């Protein structure tokens, strides 16, 4: 009977160790899942941030295009004024 109790105690010890290992594994899985959730949240935040930067970049591109058109008009006006001044000087010189 004593031998039987000893083998049952050993068996229960082994079962207890296995349960401890399983609980440790479950805790490790839960921690890994928490880390994955945190990484996913971080990726989502970065994605949203990149979208905001993209929208700002689109707005800046629009302003640059407007400024380029304005500069083109100013350049054409400048050359018209220079041309008109040159014609006026030449016509004064020959008349």
N, C-alpha and C. Protein backbone atom coordinates (compact mmCIF):
# COMPACT_ATOMS: atom_id res chain seq x y z
N UNK A 1 0.79 -1.18 0.00
CA UNK A 1 0.00 0.00 0.00
C UNK A 1 0.85 1.27 0.00
N UNK A 2 1.97 1.24 0.73
CA UNK A 2 2.87 2.40 0.78
C UNK A 2 3.49 2.65 -0.58
N UNK A 3 3.82 1.59 -1.29
CA UNK A 3 4.40 1.73 -2.62
C UNK A 3 3.38 2.32 -3.57
N UNK A 4 2.13 1.92 -3.38
CA UNK A 4 1.06 2.41 -4.23
C UNK A 4 0.84 3.91 -4.00
N UNK A 5 0.90 4.30 -2.72
CA UNK A 5 0.75 5.73 -2.41
C UNK A 5 1.90 6.54 -2.96
N UNK A 6 3.08 5.98 -2.89
CA UNK A 6 4.27 6.68 -3.39
C UNK A 6 4.18 6.86 -4.89
N UNK A 7 3.75 5.85 -5.63
CA UNK A 7 3.61 5.98 -7.08
C UNK A 7 2.50 6.96 -7.42
N UNK A 8 1.42 6.96 -6.63
CA UNK A 8 0.35 7.94 -6.88
C UNK A 8 0.84 9.36 -6.60
N UNK A 9 1.64 9.54 -5.56
CA UNK A 9 2.19 10.85 -5.24
C UNK A 9 3.13 11.31 -6.35
N UNK A 10 3.95 10.40 -6.84
CA UNK A 10 4.85 10.75 -7.95
C UNK A 10 4.05 11.10 -9.19
N UNK A 11 3.01 10.32 -9.43
CA UNK A 11 2.16 10.58 -10.59
C UNK A 11 1.49 11.95 -10.45
N UNK A 12 0.96 12.24 -9.29
CA UNK A 12 0.34 13.54 -9.06
C UNK A 12 1.35 14.68 -9.18
N UNK A 13 2.57 14.46 -8.72
CA UNK A 13 3.63 15.47 -8.88
C UNK A 13 3.91 15.75 -10.35
N UNK A 14 3.98 14.66 -11.13
CA UNK A 14 4.23 14.83 -12.57
C UNK A 14 3.07 15.58 -13.23
N UNK A 15 1.84 15.23 -12.85
CA UNK A 15 0.67 15.93 -13.39
C UNK A 15 0.71 17.40 -13.00
N UNK A 16 1.08 17.66 -11.76
CA UNK A 16 1.17 19.05 -11.28
C UNK A 16 2.23 19.83 -12.06
N UNK A 17 3.37 19.20 -12.32
CA UNK A 17 4.42 19.86 -13.11
C UNK A 17 3.93 20.16 -14.52
N UNK A 18 3.21 19.20 -15.10
CA UNK A 18 2.68 19.42 -16.45
C UNK A 18 1.67 20.56 -16.46
N UNK A 19 0.84 20.60 -15.44
CA UNK A 19 -0.14 21.70 -15.34
C UNK A 19 0.58 23.04 -15.18
N UNK A 20 1.65 23.07 -14.38
CA UNK A 20 2.44 24.29 -14.22
C UNK A 20 3.04 24.72 -15.55
N UNK A 21 3.57 23.76 -16.30
CA UNK A 21 4.15 24.08 -17.60
C UNK A 21 3.08 24.60 -18.56
N UNK A 22 1.90 23.97 -18.53
CA UNK A 22 0.80 24.44 -19.38
C UNK A 22 0.36 25.85 -19.00
N UNK A 23 0.30 26.13 -17.72
CA UNK A 23 -0.10 27.48 -17.30
C UNK A 23 0.97 28.50 -17.70
N UNK A 24 2.24 28.12 -17.59
CA UNK A 24 3.31 29.02 -18.05
C UNK A 24 3.19 29.27 -19.55
N UNK A 25 2.88 28.21 -20.30
CA UNK A 25 2.72 28.36 -21.74
C UNK A 25 1.53 29.26 -22.07
N UNK A 26 0.44 29.12 -21.34
CA UNK A 26 -0.74 29.97 -21.56
C UNK A 26 -0.42 31.43 -21.26
N UNK A 27 0.34 31.65 -20.18
CA UNK A 27 0.74 33.02 -19.84
C UNK A 27 1.62 33.60 -20.93
N UNK A 28 2.54 32.81 -21.45
CA UNK A 28 3.41 33.27 -22.54
C UNK A 28 2.60 33.59 -23.78
N UNK A 29 1.62 32.75 -24.10
CA UNK A 29 0.75 33.03 -25.25
C UNK A 29 -0.04 34.31 -25.06
N UNK A 30 -0.55 34.53 -23.85
CA UNK A 30 -1.31 35.75 -23.57
C UNK A 30 -0.42 36.99 -23.71
N UNK A 31 0.81 36.90 -23.23
CA UNK A 31 1.75 38.03 -23.38
C UNK A 31 2.06 38.28 -24.84
N UNK A 32 2.27 37.21 -25.60
CA UNK A 32 2.56 37.36 -27.03
C UNK A 32 1.37 38.00 -27.74
N UNK A 33 0.16 37.60 -27.36
CA UNK A 33 -1.04 38.19 -27.97
C UNK A 33 -1.14 39.67 -27.64
N UNK A 34 -0.83 40.03 -26.40
CA UNK A 34 -0.86 41.45 -26.01
C UNK A 34 0.15 42.25 -26.82
N UNK A 35 1.34 41.67 -27.03
CA UNK A 35 2.35 42.34 -27.83
C UNK A 35 1.88 42.52 -29.26
N UNK A 36 1.25 41.49 -29.82
CA UNK A 36 0.74 41.58 -31.19
C UNK A 36 -0.35 42.65 -31.30
N UNK A 37 -1.20 42.73 -30.30
CA UNK A 37 -2.25 43.76 -30.31
C UNK A 37 -1.62 45.15 -30.24
N UNK A 38 -0.59 45.31 -29.40
CA UNK A 38 0.09 46.60 -29.29
C UNK A 38 0.77 46.97 -30.62
N UNK A 39 1.39 45.99 -31.26
CA UNK A 39 2.03 46.24 -32.55
C UNK A 39 0.99 46.63 -33.60
N UNK A 40 -0.15 45.95 -33.59
CA UNK A 40 -1.21 46.26 -34.54
C UNK A 40 -1.74 47.68 -34.32
N UNK A 41 -1.92 48.07 -33.06
CA UNK A 41 -2.37 49.44 -32.76
C UNK A 41 -1.35 50.46 -33.24
N UNK A 42 -0.07 50.16 -33.01
CA UNK A 42 0.99 51.06 -33.44
C UNK A 42 1.01 51.18 -34.97
N UNK A 43 0.85 50.06 -35.66
CA UNK A 43 0.81 50.10 -37.13
C UNK A 43 -0.38 50.90 -37.62
N UNK A 44 -1.52 50.75 -36.96
CA UNK A 44 -2.71 51.51 -37.35
C UNK A 44 -2.49 53.01 -37.13
N UNK A 45 -1.87 53.36 -36.01
CA UNK A 45 -1.58 54.78 -35.73
C UNK A 45 -0.61 55.34 -36.78
N UNK A 46 0.40 54.55 -37.14
CA UNK A 46 1.35 55.00 -38.17
C UNK A 46 0.66 55.15 -39.53
N UNK A 47 -0.24 54.25 -39.84
CA UNK A 47 -0.98 54.32 -41.10
C UNK A 47 -1.82 55.59 -41.14
N UNK A 48 -2.52 55.89 -40.03
CA UNK A 48 -3.32 57.12 -39.96
C UNK A 48 -2.43 58.35 -40.10
N UNK A 49 -1.29 58.32 -39.45
CA UNK A 49 -0.36 59.45 -39.53
C UNK A 49 0.14 59.65 -40.96
N UNK A 50 0.47 58.55 -41.63
CA UNK A 50 0.92 58.64 -43.02
C UNK A 50 -0.18 59.21 -43.91
N UNK A 51 -1.43 58.84 -43.64
CA UNK A 51 -2.55 59.38 -44.42
C UNK A 51 -2.67 60.89 -44.22
N UNK A 52 -2.49 61.34 -42.98
CA UNK A 52 -2.55 62.80 -42.73
C UNK A 52 -1.41 63.51 -43.45
N UNK A 53 -0.20 62.92 -43.44
CA UNK A 53 0.92 63.52 -44.16
C UNK A 53 0.64 63.56 -45.66
N UNK A 54 0.02 62.51 -46.16
CA UNK A 54 -0.31 62.46 -47.58
C UNK A 54 -1.30 63.56 -47.94
N UNK A 55 -2.29 63.79 -47.09
CA UNK A 55 -3.26 64.86 -47.34
C UNK A 55 -2.57 66.23 -47.30
N UNK A 56 -1.67 66.42 -46.34
CA UNK A 56 -0.93 67.68 -46.27
C UNK A 56 -0.07 67.87 -47.51
N UNK A 57 0.57 66.79 -47.95
CA UNK A 57 1.41 66.85 -49.14
C UNK A 57 0.59 67.20 -50.38
N UNK A 58 -0.61 66.65 -50.48
CA UNK A 58 -1.50 66.99 -51.59
C UNK A 58 -1.86 68.47 -51.57
N UNK A 59 -2.14 69.00 -50.37
CA UNK A 59 -2.48 70.43 -50.25
C UNK A 59 -1.28 71.30 -50.63
N UNK A 60 -0.09 70.90 -50.21
CA UNK A 60 1.12 71.65 -50.56
C UNK A 60 1.35 71.61 -52.06
N UNK A 61 1.14 70.45 -52.67
CA UNK A 61 1.32 70.32 -54.12
C UNK A 61 0.36 71.24 -54.86
N UNK A 62 -0.87 71.34 -54.37
CA UNK A 62 -1.85 72.22 -54.99
C UNK A 62 -1.40 73.68 -54.90
N UNK A 63 -0.89 74.08 -53.73
CA UNK A 63 -0.41 75.45 -53.57
C UNK A 63 0.78 75.73 -54.47
N UNK A 64 1.69 74.77 -54.60
CA UNK A 64 2.86 74.93 -55.46
C UNK A 64 2.42 75.12 -56.91
N UNK A 65 1.45 74.34 -57.35
CA UNK A 65 0.96 74.48 -58.72
C UNK A 65 0.32 75.85 -58.94
N UNK A 66 -0.45 76.33 -57.94
CA UNK A 66 -1.03 77.67 -58.04
C UNK A 66 0.06 78.74 -58.11
N UNK A 67 1.08 78.59 -57.28
CA UNK A 67 2.19 79.54 -57.29
C UNK A 67 2.94 79.50 -58.62
N UNK A 68 3.11 78.33 -59.20
CA UNK A 68 3.79 78.22 -60.48
C UNK A 68 3.01 78.95 -61.57
N UNK A 69 1.68 78.82 -61.54
CA UNK A 69 0.86 79.55 -62.53
C UNK A 69 1.00 81.06 -62.32
N UNK A 70 1.00 81.50 -61.07
CA UNK A 70 1.14 82.93 -60.78
C UNK A 70 2.49 83.45 -61.26
N UNK A 71 3.55 82.69 -61.00
CA UNK A 71 4.89 83.10 -61.44
C UNK A 71 4.95 83.16 -62.96
N UNK A 72 4.30 82.23 -63.65
CA UNK A 72 4.26 82.27 -65.11
C UNK A 72 3.61 83.54 -65.61
N UNK A 73 2.50 83.92 -65.00
CA UNK A 73 1.82 85.16 -65.41
C UNK A 73 2.71 86.36 -65.13
N UNK A 74 3.33 86.40 -63.96
CA UNK A 74 4.22 87.53 -63.62
C UNK A 74 5.39 87.60 -64.60
N UNK A 75 5.97 86.47 -64.95
CA UNK A 75 7.09 86.44 -65.89
C UNK A 75 6.67 86.97 -67.26
N UNK A 76 5.51 86.54 -67.72
CA UNK A 76 5.02 87.03 -69.02
C UNK A 76 4.78 88.54 -68.98
N UNK A 77 4.21 89.02 -67.87
CA UNK A 77 3.98 90.47 -67.74
C UNK A 77 5.31 91.22 -67.72
N UNK A 78 6.29 90.67 -67.01
CA UNK A 78 7.61 91.31 -66.96
C UNK A 78 8.19 91.44 -68.37
N UNK A 79 8.15 90.36 -69.14
CA UNK A 79 8.72 90.41 -70.48
C UNK A 79 7.91 91.32 -71.39
N UNK A 80 6.61 91.42 -71.18
CA UNK A 80 5.80 92.37 -71.95
C UNK A 80 6.22 93.81 -71.63
N UNK A 81 6.43 94.09 -70.36
CA UNK A 81 6.86 95.44 -69.96
C UNK A 81 8.25 95.74 -70.53
N UNK A 82 9.16 94.78 -70.44
CA UNK A 82 10.51 94.98 -70.99
C UNK A 82 10.43 95.19 -72.50
N UNK A 83 9.60 94.40 -73.16
CA UNK A 83 9.44 94.55 -74.62
C UNK A 83 8.86 95.90 -74.98
N UNK A 84 7.83 96.32 -74.23
CA UNK A 84 7.20 97.63 -74.50
C UNK A 84 8.20 98.75 -74.24
N UNK A 85 8.99 98.64 -73.18
CA UNK A 85 10.00 99.66 -72.88
C UNK A 85 11.05 99.69 -73.98
N UNK A 86 11.46 98.53 -74.46
CA UNK A 86 12.45 98.48 -75.54
C UNK A 86 11.89 99.13 -76.81
N UNK A 87 10.66 98.82 -77.14
CA UNK A 87 10.02 99.43 -78.33
C UNK A 87 9.94 100.93 -78.15
N UNK A 88 9.58 101.40 -76.96
CA UNK A 88 9.48 102.83 -76.72
C UNK A 88 10.84 103.51 -76.86
N UNK A 89 11.89 102.89 -76.33
CA UNK A 89 13.24 103.47 -76.41
C UNK A 89 13.69 103.48 -77.88
N UNK A 90 13.49 102.42 -78.58
CA UNK A 90 13.92 102.35 -79.98
C UNK A 90 13.14 103.33 -80.82
N UNK A 91 11.83 103.44 -80.60
CA UNK A 91 11.03 104.39 -81.39
C UNK A 91 11.44 105.83 -81.07
N UNK A 92 11.81 106.14 -79.83
CA UNK A 92 12.28 107.48 -79.48
C UNK A 92 13.63 107.76 -80.15
N UNK A 93 14.46 106.75 -80.22
CA UNK A 93 15.78 106.92 -80.77
C UNK A 93 15.72 107.18 -82.29
N UNK A 94 14.83 106.49 -82.99
CA UNK A 94 14.75 106.63 -84.45
C UNK A 94 13.80 107.73 -84.87
N UNK A 95 13.06 108.31 -84.04
CA UNK A 95 12.13 109.37 -84.45
C UNK A 95 12.69 110.68 -84.15
